[in-house]
Amino acid sequence: MTGAINYLWPLALVMFSLIPYADYFFRNKKTSIRVYILPVLIFSFSNEQLIACVIGVVLSYHSAMLIKKRKENYFLYIPTAFFTTGFSFMFLAPGNKLRMQKEIAMWMPDFNELSPFARILRGSSWLFEGWQTKLLLLFIVILIVSLVIDSSKLLAKVVTGYTVFLLLLNYNFPNIFTNFQLINEGNWISQLKLGNILS
């Protein structure tokens, strides 16, 4: 239930909320945003991680419209403003510092002792873990669908290459990217100093 409320429902809401952007950018279709206002509003105060991703998407959309010199659908600035306001509200909420302390104590007790470089390595480890587990399954599904639709398309070729890469990564290095004990800043730096860059 916690996962559904914190991730699945916000994810469904954001996918729905981004439809007007996709319609206008890819189909030149000016969709009325009235139906989307309530889902956008609810989503904007739901999950700050997803909102951060969505802000990246909508800023990319507005930047692309500017670069391509296409006429904007100015109504889309309303959901963009909601996303930004919601993220700011959640990020600056007074309880955030307390929650951060509790999250660190539970998941990464050594976080405050890590240098910025070691924190990047820790984050990269989680990124690779996501690639190796969740994205691999997604890419296998996309690969099957793209091969069924048209195996000569560029999408099928790219997805095939990436899926093979992920499978080889899983087979050859099952724990190297996801074992937090291996992420020791001292070891990395000493190896680099010794010239063992590919160690």
N, C-alpha and C. Protein backbone atom coordinates (compact mmCIF):
# COMPACT_ATOMS: atom_id res chain seq x y z
N MET A 1 0.83 -1.20 0.00
CA MET A 1 0.00 0.00 0.00
C MET A 1 0.87 1.26 0.00
N THR A 2 1.94 1.24 0.80
CA THR A 2 2.83 2.40 0.85
C THR A 2 3.44 2.67 -0.51
N GLY A 3 3.91 1.60 -1.16
CA GLY A 3 4.50 1.75 -2.50
C GLY A 3 3.50 2.29 -3.50
N ALA A 4 2.26 1.81 -3.42
CA ALA A 4 1.22 2.28 -4.36
C ALA A 4 0.96 3.76 -4.17
N ILE A 5 0.82 4.20 -2.91
CA ILE A 5 0.50 5.61 -2.64
C ILE A 5 1.67 6.52 -2.98
N ASN A 6 2.89 6.07 -2.64
CA ASN A 6 4.06 6.94 -2.84
C ASN A 6 4.61 6.93 -4.25
N TYR A 7 4.40 5.82 -4.98
CA TYR A 7 5.04 5.71 -6.30
C TYR A 7 4.08 5.40 -7.44
N LEU A 8 3.25 4.36 -7.29
CA LEU A 8 2.43 3.93 -8.43
C LEU A 8 1.35 4.95 -8.80
N TRP A 9 0.61 5.45 -7.78
CA TRP A 9 -0.42 6.45 -8.09
C TRP A 9 0.20 7.75 -8.62
N PRO A 10 1.26 8.29 -7.99
CA PRO A 10 1.89 9.48 -8.56
C PRO A 10 2.41 9.25 -9.98
N LEU A 11 2.95 8.04 -10.23
CA LEU A 11 3.47 7.74 -11.57
C LEU A 11 2.33 7.72 -12.59
N ALA A 12 1.20 7.13 -12.22
CA ALA A 12 0.05 7.11 -13.12
C ALA A 12 -0.46 8.53 -13.37
N LEU A 13 -0.50 9.34 -12.31
CA LEU A 13 -0.96 10.73 -12.44
C LEU A 13 -0.05 11.55 -13.34
N VAL A 14 1.27 11.35 -13.19
CA VAL A 14 2.20 12.14 -14.00
C VAL A 14 2.14 11.73 -15.46
N MET A 15 1.98 10.44 -15.74
CA MET A 15 1.87 9.99 -17.13
C MET A 15 0.64 10.62 -17.78
N PHE A 16 -0.45 10.69 -17.01
CA PHE A 16 -1.68 11.32 -17.50
C PHE A 16 -1.47 12.83 -17.67
N SER A 17 -0.77 13.45 -16.71
CA SER A 17 -0.57 14.91 -16.74
C SER A 17 0.30 15.37 -17.90
N LEU A 18 1.15 14.50 -18.40
CA LEU A 18 2.07 14.88 -19.49
C LEU A 18 1.46 14.71 -20.88
N ILE A 19 0.24 14.18 -20.95
CA ILE A 19 -0.41 13.97 -22.25
C ILE A 19 -0.52 15.27 -23.06
N PRO A 20 -0.96 16.41 -22.47
CA PRO A 20 -1.06 17.64 -23.28
C PRO A 20 0.28 18.07 -23.87
N TYR A 21 1.37 17.86 -23.13
CA TYR A 21 2.69 18.20 -23.66
C TYR A 21 3.03 17.33 -24.87
N ALA A 22 2.79 16.02 -24.72
CA ALA A 22 3.07 15.08 -25.81
C ALA A 22 2.19 15.37 -27.02
N ASP A 23 0.91 15.65 -26.77
CA ASP A 23 -0.02 15.96 -27.87
C ASP A 23 0.46 17.16 -28.68
N TYR A 24 0.85 18.20 -27.98
CA TYR A 24 1.24 19.43 -28.68
C TYR A 24 2.59 19.28 -29.36
N PHE A 25 3.54 18.61 -28.70
CA PHE A 25 4.90 18.51 -29.26
C PHE A 25 4.97 17.52 -30.42
N PHE A 26 4.36 16.34 -30.25
CA PHE A 26 4.50 15.29 -31.26
C PHE A 26 3.39 15.28 -32.30
N ARG A 27 2.19 15.77 -31.93
CA ARG A 27 1.04 15.65 -32.83
C ARG A 27 0.48 16.99 -33.28
N ASN A 28 1.09 18.10 -32.82
CA ASN A 28 0.58 19.44 -33.11
C ASN A 28 -0.90 19.57 -32.76
N LYS A 29 -1.30 18.92 -31.68
CA LYS A 29 -2.70 18.90 -31.27
C LYS A 29 -2.82 19.71 -29.98
N LYS A 30 -3.63 20.74 -29.99
CA LYS A 30 -3.80 21.60 -28.81
C LYS A 30 -4.89 21.00 -27.92
N THR A 31 -4.46 20.23 -26.93
CA THR A 31 -5.40 19.56 -26.02
C THR A 31 -5.81 20.51 -24.91
N SER A 32 -7.09 20.53 -24.59
CA SER A 32 -7.58 21.35 -23.48
C SER A 32 -7.02 20.79 -22.17
N ILE A 33 -6.50 21.69 -21.33
CA ILE A 33 -5.89 21.21 -20.08
C ILE A 33 -6.87 21.16 -18.92
N ARG A 34 -8.13 21.50 -19.15
CA ARG A 34 -9.11 21.52 -18.06
C ARG A 34 -9.23 20.16 -17.37
N VAL A 35 -9.23 19.09 -18.16
CA VAL A 35 -9.36 17.74 -17.61
C VAL A 35 -8.13 17.37 -16.78
N TYR A 36 -7.00 17.99 -17.10
CA TYR A 36 -5.72 17.60 -16.49
C TYR A 36 -5.36 18.40 -15.25
N ILE A 37 -6.08 19.49 -14.99
CA ILE A 37 -5.70 20.38 -13.88
C ILE A 37 -5.72 19.66 -12.53
N LEU A 38 -6.78 18.92 -12.23
CA LEU A 38 -6.87 18.23 -10.93
C LEU A 38 -5.78 17.17 -10.77
N PRO A 39 -5.57 16.28 -11.77
CA PRO A 39 -4.46 15.32 -11.64
C PRO A 39 -3.10 16.00 -11.47
N VAL A 40 -2.88 17.10 -12.20
CA VAL A 40 -1.62 17.85 -12.08
C VAL A 40 -1.47 18.38 -10.66
N LEU A 41 -2.54 18.95 -10.12
CA LEU A 41 -2.51 19.53 -8.78
C LEU A 41 -2.22 18.47 -7.73
N ILE A 42 -2.91 17.32 -7.83
CA ILE A 42 -2.69 16.23 -6.86
C ILE A 42 -1.26 15.71 -6.98
N PHE A 43 -0.80 15.51 -8.22
CA PHE A 43 0.55 14.98 -8.41
C PHE A 43 1.61 15.94 -7.89
N SER A 44 1.38 17.24 -8.06
CA SER A 44 2.39 18.24 -7.69
C SER A 44 2.75 18.22 -6.21
N PHE A 45 1.91 17.59 -5.39
CA PHE A 45 2.20 17.52 -3.96
C PHE A 45 2.27 16.06 -3.50
N SER A 46 2.78 15.18 -4.39
CA SER A 46 2.76 13.76 -4.06
C SER A 46 4.14 13.15 -3.83
N ASN A 47 5.06 13.32 -4.77
CA ASN A 47 6.36 12.64 -4.68
C ASN A 47 7.43 13.53 -5.29
N GLU A 48 8.33 14.05 -4.45
CA GLU A 48 9.30 15.04 -4.94
C GLU A 48 10.30 14.45 -5.93
N GLN A 49 10.59 13.14 -5.83
CA GLN A 49 11.53 12.54 -6.79
C GLN A 49 10.93 12.55 -8.19
N LEU A 50 9.67 12.13 -8.28
CA LEU A 50 9.01 12.12 -9.59
C LEU A 50 8.80 13.54 -10.11
N ILE A 51 8.49 14.47 -9.20
CA ILE A 51 8.28 15.86 -9.64
C ILE A 51 9.58 16.42 -10.21
N ALA A 52 10.72 16.09 -9.58
CA ALA A 52 12.01 16.56 -10.09
C ALA A 52 12.24 16.04 -11.51
N CYS A 53 11.89 14.77 -11.75
CA CYS A 53 12.02 14.19 -13.10
C CYS A 53 11.10 14.92 -14.09
N VAL A 54 9.86 15.17 -13.65
CA VAL A 54 8.87 15.82 -14.52
C VAL A 54 9.30 17.25 -14.85
N ILE A 55 9.85 17.95 -13.87
CA ILE A 55 10.34 19.31 -14.15
C ILE A 55 11.41 19.26 -15.23
N GLY A 56 12.27 18.25 -15.17
CA GLY A 56 13.26 18.07 -16.24
C GLY A 56 12.61 17.86 -17.59
N VAL A 57 11.53 17.06 -17.61
CA VAL A 57 10.82 16.78 -18.88
C VAL A 57 10.16 18.04 -19.43
N VAL A 58 9.44 18.78 -18.57
CA VAL A 58 8.71 19.96 -19.07
C VAL A 58 9.67 21.09 -19.44
N LEU A 59 10.79 21.21 -18.72
CA LEU A 59 11.78 22.22 -19.11
C LEU A 59 12.42 21.86 -20.45
N SER A 60 12.63 20.55 -20.67
CA SER A 60 13.15 20.10 -21.98
C SER A 60 12.14 20.43 -23.08
N TYR A 61 10.85 20.23 -22.77
CA TYR A 61 9.78 20.55 -23.73
C TYR A 61 9.82 22.04 -24.08
N HIS A 62 9.81 22.91 -23.05
CA HIS A 62 9.79 24.36 -23.31
C HIS A 62 11.06 24.81 -24.03
N SER A 63 12.20 24.21 -23.67
CA SER A 63 13.47 24.56 -24.34
C SER A 63 13.44 24.14 -25.80
N ALA A 64 12.92 22.93 -26.06
CA ALA A 64 12.84 22.44 -27.44
C ALA A 64 11.93 23.32 -28.28
N MET A 65 10.81 23.77 -27.70
CA MET A 65 9.90 24.66 -28.43
C MET A 65 10.60 25.98 -28.76
N LEU A 66 11.41 26.45 -27.83
CA LEU A 66 12.14 27.71 -28.03
C LEU A 66 13.20 27.54 -29.11
N ILE A 67 13.96 26.45 -29.03
CA ILE A 67 15.04 26.19 -30.00
C ILE A 67 14.48 25.99 -31.40
N LYS A 68 13.37 25.25 -31.49
CA LYS A 68 12.76 24.99 -32.80
C LYS A 68 11.93 26.16 -33.31
N LYS A 69 11.80 27.19 -32.46
CA LYS A 69 11.02 28.39 -32.79
C LYS A 69 9.58 28.06 -33.17
N ARG A 70 9.02 27.10 -32.42
CA ARG A 70 7.62 26.74 -32.62
C ARG A 70 6.76 27.54 -31.66
N LYS A 71 5.54 27.80 -32.07
CA LYS A 71 4.61 28.56 -31.24
C LYS A 71 4.21 27.73 -30.03
N GLU A 72 4.31 28.33 -28.85
CA GLU A 72 3.99 27.64 -27.59
C GLU A 72 2.48 27.55 -27.38
N ASN A 73 2.07 26.49 -26.70
CA ASN A 73 0.72 26.42 -26.14
C ASN A 73 0.84 27.02 -24.74
N TYR A 74 0.50 28.29 -24.60
CA TYR A 74 0.76 29.01 -23.35
C TYR A 74 0.00 28.45 -22.16
N PHE A 75 -1.06 27.69 -22.41
CA PHE A 75 -1.80 27.07 -21.31
C PHE A 75 -0.95 26.03 -20.58
N LEU A 76 0.07 25.50 -21.28
CA LEU A 76 0.92 24.48 -20.65
C LEU A 76 1.86 25.07 -19.60
N TYR A 77 1.93 26.39 -19.53
CA TYR A 77 2.71 27.01 -18.46
C TYR A 77 1.99 26.84 -17.10
N ILE A 78 0.68 26.59 -17.14
CA ILE A 78 -0.08 26.40 -15.89
C ILE A 78 0.37 25.12 -15.18
N PRO A 79 0.34 23.93 -15.87
CA PRO A 79 0.85 22.73 -15.18
C PRO A 79 2.33 22.84 -14.82
N THR A 80 3.12 23.49 -15.68
CA THR A 80 4.54 23.67 -15.37
C THR A 80 4.70 24.46 -14.07
N ALA A 81 3.88 25.50 -13.89
CA ALA A 81 3.93 26.30 -12.66
C ALA A 81 3.51 25.46 -11.45
N PHE A 82 2.49 24.59 -11.63
CA PHE A 82 2.06 23.70 -10.54
C PHE A 82 3.19 22.75 -10.13
N PHE A 83 3.85 22.16 -11.14
CA PHE A 83 4.95 21.23 -10.85
C PHE A 83 6.05 21.93 -10.05
N THR A 84 6.42 23.13 -10.50
CA THR A 84 7.50 23.88 -9.85
C THR A 84 7.11 24.29 -8.43
N THR A 85 5.87 24.76 -8.28
CA THR A 85 5.39 25.18 -6.95
C THR A 85 5.33 23.98 -6.00
N GLY A 86 4.81 22.86 -6.49
CA GLY A 86 4.71 21.66 -5.66
C GLY A 86 6.08 21.17 -5.22
N PHE A 87 7.03 21.16 -6.14
CA PHE A 87 8.39 20.72 -5.79
C PHE A 87 9.02 21.65 -4.76
N SER A 88 8.87 22.96 -4.97
CA SER A 88 9.43 23.94 -4.03
C SER A 88 8.83 23.77 -2.65
N PHE A 89 7.50 23.58 -2.60
CA PHE A 89 6.79 23.41 -1.32
C PHE A 89 7.32 22.18 -0.58
N MET A 90 7.45 21.05 -1.32
CA MET A 90 7.89 19.81 -0.67
C MET A 90 9.36 19.87 -0.29
N PHE A 91 10.16 20.49 -1.14
CA PHE A 91 11.60 20.57 -0.88
C PHE A 91 11.91 21.46 0.32
N LEU A 92 11.12 22.55 0.46
CA LEU A 92 11.38 23.51 1.53
C LEU A 92 10.54 23.25 2.78
N ALA A 93 9.75 22.17 2.78
CA ALA A 93 8.90 21.86 3.94
C ALA A 93 9.74 21.69 5.20
N PRO A 94 9.25 22.20 6.35
CA PRO A 94 10.02 22.16 7.60
C PRO A 94 10.40 20.73 8.03
N GLY A 95 9.56 19.77 7.73
CA GLY A 95 9.84 18.39 8.16
C GLY A 95 10.89 17.67 7.34
N ASN A 96 11.34 18.30 6.25
CA ASN A 96 12.29 17.64 5.35
C ASN A 96 13.62 17.31 6.02
N LYS A 97 14.13 18.23 6.83
CA LYS A 97 15.42 17.99 7.48
C LYS A 97 15.35 16.80 8.43
N LEU A 98 14.25 16.73 9.18
CA LEU A 98 14.05 15.61 10.11
C LEU A 98 13.92 14.30 9.34
N ARG A 99 13.16 14.34 8.25
CA ARG A 99 12.99 13.13 7.44
C ARG A 99 14.32 12.69 6.85
N MET A 100 15.13 13.66 6.39
CA MET A 100 16.45 13.36 5.83
C MET A 100 17.32 12.65 6.87
N GLN A 101 17.29 13.14 8.10
CA GLN A 101 18.08 12.52 9.17
C GLN A 101 17.64 11.08 9.42
N LYS A 102 16.32 10.86 9.42
CA LYS A 102 15.79 9.51 9.67
C LYS A 102 16.13 8.57 8.51
N GLU A 103 16.02 9.10 7.26
CA GLU A 103 16.35 8.29 6.08
C GLU A 103 17.83 7.89 6.10
N ILE A 104 18.69 8.86 6.45
CA ILE A 104 20.13 8.58 6.51
C ILE A 104 20.42 7.53 7.57
N ALA A 105 19.80 7.70 8.76
CA ALA A 105 20.03 6.76 9.85
C ALA A 105 19.59 5.34 9.47
N MET A 106 18.51 5.24 8.69
CA MET A 106 18.00 3.92 8.32
C MET A 106 18.76 3.29 7.16
N TRP A 107 19.01 4.08 6.09
CA TRP A 107 19.55 3.51 4.85
C TRP A 107 21.06 3.69 4.69
N MET A 108 21.60 4.83 5.15
CA MET A 108 23.02 5.11 4.95
C MET A 108 23.61 5.79 6.17
N PRO A 109 23.86 5.06 7.24
CA PRO A 109 24.36 5.70 8.46
C PRO A 109 25.67 6.45 8.27
N ASP A 110 26.45 6.06 7.27
CA ASP A 110 27.75 6.71 7.04
C ASP A 110 27.69 7.87 6.04
N PHE A 111 26.48 8.28 5.65
CA PHE A 111 26.34 9.28 4.58
C PHE A 111 27.05 10.59 4.90
N ASN A 112 26.90 11.08 6.13
CA ASN A 112 27.51 12.37 6.49
C ASN A 112 29.03 12.32 6.50
N GLU A 113 29.59 11.12 6.65
CA GLU A 113 31.05 10.97 6.66
C GLU A 113 31.62 10.87 5.26
N LEU A 114 30.78 10.60 4.27
CA LEU A 114 31.27 10.43 2.89
C LEU A 114 31.60 11.78 2.27
N SER A 115 32.63 11.78 1.43
CA SER A 115 32.98 12.98 0.68
C SER A 115 32.01 13.10 -0.50
N PRO A 116 31.95 14.27 -1.16
CA PRO A 116 31.08 14.40 -2.34
C PRO A 116 31.37 13.33 -3.41
N PHE A 117 32.64 12.99 -3.60
CA PHE A 117 33.01 11.98 -4.59
C PHE A 117 32.43 10.61 -4.22
N ALA A 118 32.55 10.25 -2.93
CA ALA A 118 32.02 8.97 -2.47
C ALA A 118 30.49 8.93 -2.57
N ARG A 119 29.84 10.09 -2.35
CA ARG A 119 28.37 10.15 -2.49
C ARG A 119 27.96 9.91 -3.94
N ILE A 120 28.75 10.46 -4.87
CA ILE A 120 28.48 10.24 -6.30
C ILE A 120 28.62 8.76 -6.63
N LEU A 121 29.64 8.12 -6.08
CA LEU A 121 29.83 6.69 -6.31
C LEU A 121 28.67 5.88 -5.77
N ARG A 122 28.20 6.26 -4.58
CA ARG A 122 27.06 5.56 -3.97
C ARG A 122 25.81 5.71 -4.84
N GLY A 123 25.56 6.94 -5.31
CA GLY A 123 24.41 7.17 -6.19
C GLY A 123 24.54 6.42 -7.50
N SER A 124 25.77 6.38 -8.04
CA SER A 124 26.01 5.65 -9.30
C SER A 124 25.73 4.17 -9.10
N SER A 125 26.07 3.66 -7.92
CA SER A 125 25.82 2.25 -7.64
C SER A 125 24.33 1.93 -7.70
N TRP A 126 23.52 2.82 -7.13
CA TRP A 126 22.06 2.63 -7.19
C TRP A 126 21.56 2.71 -8.62
N LEU A 127 22.15 3.62 -9.40
CA LEU A 127 21.76 3.75 -10.80
C LEU A 127 22.03 2.45 -11.55
N PHE A 128 23.22 1.88 -11.35
CA PHE A 128 23.55 0.62 -12.01
C PHE A 128 22.65 -0.51 -11.54
N GLU A 129 22.30 -0.50 -10.25
CA GLU A 129 21.40 -1.53 -9.73
C GLU A 129 20.05 -1.45 -10.44
N GLY A 130 19.56 -0.22 -10.64
CA GLY A 130 18.31 -0.04 -11.37
C GLY A 130 18.41 -0.54 -12.80
N TRP A 131 19.53 -0.23 -13.44
CA TRP A 131 19.74 -0.72 -14.82
C TRP A 131 19.74 -2.23 -14.87
N GLN A 132 20.45 -2.84 -13.91
CA GLN A 132 20.64 -4.29 -13.97
C GLN A 132 19.38 -5.07 -13.62
N THR A 133 18.48 -4.48 -12.87
CA THR A 133 17.30 -5.23 -12.46
C THR A 133 16.06 -4.76 -13.19
N LYS A 134 15.60 -3.55 -12.86
CA LYS A 134 14.31 -3.09 -13.38
C LYS A 134 14.36 -2.77 -14.87
N LEU A 135 15.39 -2.02 -15.30
CA LEU A 135 15.43 -1.62 -16.71
C LEU A 135 15.66 -2.80 -17.64
N LEU A 136 16.39 -3.81 -17.17
CA LEU A 136 16.65 -4.98 -18.01
C LEU A 136 15.34 -5.63 -18.42
N LEU A 137 14.44 -5.82 -17.46
CA LEU A 137 13.13 -6.42 -17.77
C LEU A 137 12.34 -5.55 -18.73
N LEU A 138 12.37 -4.22 -18.50
CA LEU A 138 11.65 -3.29 -19.37
C LEU A 138 12.19 -3.36 -20.80
N PHE A 139 13.52 -3.39 -20.92
CA PHE A 139 14.12 -3.43 -22.26
C PHE A 139 13.84 -4.74 -22.97
N ILE A 140 13.74 -5.83 -22.22
CA ILE A 140 13.39 -7.12 -22.85
C ILE A 140 11.98 -7.04 -23.44
N VAL A 141 11.05 -6.43 -22.68
CA VAL A 141 9.67 -6.26 -23.17
C VAL A 141 9.65 -5.37 -24.41
N ILE A 142 10.36 -4.20 -24.35
CA ILE A 142 10.40 -3.29 -25.49
C ILE A 142 11.04 -3.97 -26.69
N LEU A 143 12.08 -4.78 -26.45
CA LEU A 143 12.76 -5.51 -27.53
C LEU A 143 11.79 -6.44 -28.24
N ILE A 144 11.03 -7.21 -27.47
CA ILE A 144 10.07 -8.16 -28.07
C ILE A 144 9.02 -7.41 -28.89
N VAL A 145 8.47 -6.32 -28.32
CA VAL A 145 7.45 -5.53 -29.02
C VAL A 145 8.02 -4.92 -30.30
N SER A 146 9.22 -4.33 -30.21
CA SER A 146 9.81 -3.67 -31.39
C SER A 146 10.15 -4.68 -32.47
N LEU A 147 10.58 -5.89 -32.09
CA LEU A 147 10.89 -6.92 -33.09
C LEU A 147 9.61 -7.42 -33.76
N VAL A 148 8.52 -7.51 -32.99
CA VAL A 148 7.24 -7.96 -33.56
C VAL A 148 6.71 -6.92 -34.56
N ILE A 149 6.84 -5.61 -34.19
CA ILE A 149 6.32 -4.54 -35.05
C ILE A 149 7.13 -4.44 -36.33
N ASP A 150 8.45 -4.27 -36.19
CA ASP A 150 9.30 -4.15 -37.38
C ASP A 150 10.76 -4.26 -36.95
N SER A 151 11.37 -5.41 -37.25
CA SER A 151 12.74 -5.66 -36.80
C SER A 151 13.77 -4.81 -37.53
N SER A 152 13.39 -4.17 -38.65
CA SER A 152 14.36 -3.37 -39.41
C SER A 152 14.46 -1.93 -38.90
N LYS A 153 13.54 -1.55 -38.02
CA LYS A 153 13.54 -0.17 -37.50
C LYS A 153 14.74 0.07 -36.59
N LEU A 154 15.14 1.34 -36.52
CA LEU A 154 16.28 1.73 -35.68
C LEU A 154 16.02 1.40 -34.22
N LEU A 155 14.76 1.60 -33.75
CA LEU A 155 14.42 1.32 -32.35
C LEU A 155 14.77 -0.11 -31.98
N ALA A 156 14.39 -1.06 -32.86
CA ALA A 156 14.66 -2.48 -32.57
C ALA A 156 16.16 -2.73 -32.48
N LYS A 157 16.94 -2.09 -33.35
CA LYS A 157 18.40 -2.29 -33.34
C LYS A 157 19.03 -1.72 -32.08
N VAL A 158 18.60 -0.51 -31.70
CA VAL A 158 19.15 0.13 -30.50
C VAL A 158 18.79 -0.67 -29.25
N VAL A 159 17.52 -1.07 -29.15
CA VAL A 159 17.06 -1.82 -27.98
C VAL A 159 17.75 -3.18 -27.91
N THR A 160 17.95 -3.81 -29.05
CA THR A 160 18.67 -5.10 -29.08
C THR A 160 20.07 -4.94 -28.52
N GLY A 161 20.78 -3.90 -29.00
CA GLY A 161 22.14 -3.65 -28.53
C GLY A 161 22.19 -3.39 -27.04
N TYR A 162 21.26 -2.58 -26.55
CA TYR A 162 21.25 -2.22 -25.13
C TYR A 162 20.88 -3.42 -24.27
N THR A 163 19.94 -4.24 -24.72
CA THR A 163 19.54 -5.42 -23.96
C THR A 163 20.69 -6.41 -23.86
N VAL A 164 21.40 -6.62 -24.99
CA VAL A 164 22.57 -7.51 -24.98
C VAL A 164 23.62 -6.98 -24.02
N PHE A 165 23.84 -5.65 -24.04
CA PHE A 165 24.81 -5.01 -23.13
C PHE A 165 24.44 -5.28 -21.68
N LEU A 166 23.15 -5.12 -21.32
CA LEU A 166 22.70 -5.34 -19.95
C LEU A 166 22.83 -6.81 -19.54
N LEU A 167 22.52 -7.71 -20.47
CA LEU A 167 22.65 -9.14 -20.17
C LEU A 167 24.11 -9.51 -19.92
N LEU A 168 25.02 -8.99 -20.76
CA LEU A 168 26.45 -9.25 -20.58
C LEU A 168 26.94 -8.65 -19.26
N LEU A 169 26.44 -7.47 -18.94
CA LEU A 169 26.81 -6.80 -17.69
C LEU A 169 26.40 -7.65 -16.50
N ASN A 170 25.17 -8.16 -16.54
CA ASN A 170 24.67 -9.02 -15.46
C ASN A 170 25.46 -10.30 -15.35
N TYR A 171 25.81 -10.88 -16.50
CA TYR A 171 26.50 -12.18 -16.52
C TYR A 171 27.94 -12.04 -16.03
N ASN A 172 28.63 -11.01 -16.50
CA ASN A 172 30.05 -10.87 -16.19
C ASN A 172 30.33 -10.19 -14.84
N PHE A 173 29.49 -9.23 -14.48
CA PHE A 173 29.72 -8.49 -13.23
C PHE A 173 28.44 -8.49 -12.39
N PRO A 174 28.06 -9.63 -11.82
CA PRO A 174 26.78 -9.66 -11.12
C PRO A 174 26.69 -8.75 -9.90
N ASN A 175 27.82 -8.50 -9.21
CA ASN A 175 27.75 -7.70 -7.98
C ASN A 175 28.60 -6.45 -8.00
N ILE A 176 29.37 -6.26 -9.05
CA ILE A 176 30.37 -5.19 -8.99
C ILE A 176 29.76 -3.80 -8.85
N PHE A 177 28.59 -3.59 -9.43
CA PHE A 177 27.98 -2.25 -9.38
C PHE A 177 26.99 -2.09 -8.24
N THR A 178 26.60 -3.19 -7.60
CA THR A 178 25.54 -3.10 -6.60
C THR A 178 26.00 -3.46 -5.20
N ASN A 179 27.25 -3.83 -5.05
CA ASN A 179 27.77 -4.17 -3.73
C ASN A 179 28.34 -2.92 -3.07
N PHE A 180 27.63 -2.39 -2.08
CA PHE A 180 28.06 -1.14 -1.45
C PHE A 180 29.39 -1.29 -0.71
N GLN A 181 29.72 -2.51 -0.29
CA GLN A 181 30.98 -2.71 0.43
C GLN A 181 32.18 -2.45 -0.48
N LEU A 182 32.00 -2.62 -1.79
CA LEU A 182 33.10 -2.39 -2.73
C LEU A 182 33.36 -0.91 -2.96
N ILE A 183 32.37 -0.08 -2.59
CA ILE A 183 32.53 1.36 -2.84
C ILE A 183 33.28 1.98 -1.68
N ASN A 184 34.57 2.01 -1.81
CA ASN A 184 35.43 2.58 -0.78
C ASN A 184 36.30 3.62 -1.44
N GLU A 185 36.07 4.85 -1.09
CA GLU A 185 36.75 5.94 -1.79
C GLU A 185 38.26 5.78 -1.74
N GLY A 186 38.78 5.37 -0.58
CA GLY A 186 40.23 5.20 -0.43
C GLY A 186 40.79 4.22 -1.45
N ASN A 187 40.09 3.08 -1.61
CA ASN A 187 40.56 2.08 -2.57
C ASN A 187 40.55 2.63 -3.99
N TRP A 188 39.48 3.32 -4.37
CA TRP A 188 39.39 3.87 -5.73
C TRP A 188 40.54 4.84 -5.99
N ILE A 189 40.77 5.75 -5.05
CA ILE A 189 41.80 6.77 -5.26
C ILE A 189 43.19 6.14 -5.28
N SER A 190 43.45 5.18 -4.36
CA SER A 190 44.78 4.54 -4.35
C SER A 190 45.02 3.78 -5.64
N GLN A 191 43.96 3.12 -6.16
CA GLN A 191 44.10 2.40 -7.43
C GLN A 191 44.40 3.36 -8.58
N LEU A 192 43.70 4.51 -8.58
CA LEU A 192 43.95 5.51 -9.62
C LEU A 192 45.36 6.05 -9.54
N LYS A 193 45.85 6.30 -8.31
CA LYS A 193 47.20 6.82 -8.14
C LYS A 193 48.24 5.82 -8.61
N LEU A 194 47.94 4.52 -8.43
CA LEU A 194 48.88 3.49 -8.88
C LEU A 194 48.81 3.27 -10.38
N GLY A 195 47.84 3.90 -11.03
CA GLY A 195 47.71 3.77 -12.48
C GLY A 195 46.81 2.63 -12.90
N ASN A 196 46.17 1.97 -11.92
CA ASN A 196 45.27 0.84 -12.26
C ASN A 196 43.87 1.38 -12.56
N ILE A 197 43.77 2.14 -13.65
CA ILE A 197 42.52 2.82 -13.97
C ILE A 197 41.40 1.82 -14.25
N LEU A 198 41.74 0.70 -14.89
CA LEU A 198 40.71 -0.28 -15.28
C LEU A 198 40.57 -1.39 -14.26
N SER A 199 41.17 -1.22 -13.06
CA SER A 199 41.11 -2.27 -12.05
C SER A 199 39.67 -2.46 -11.56
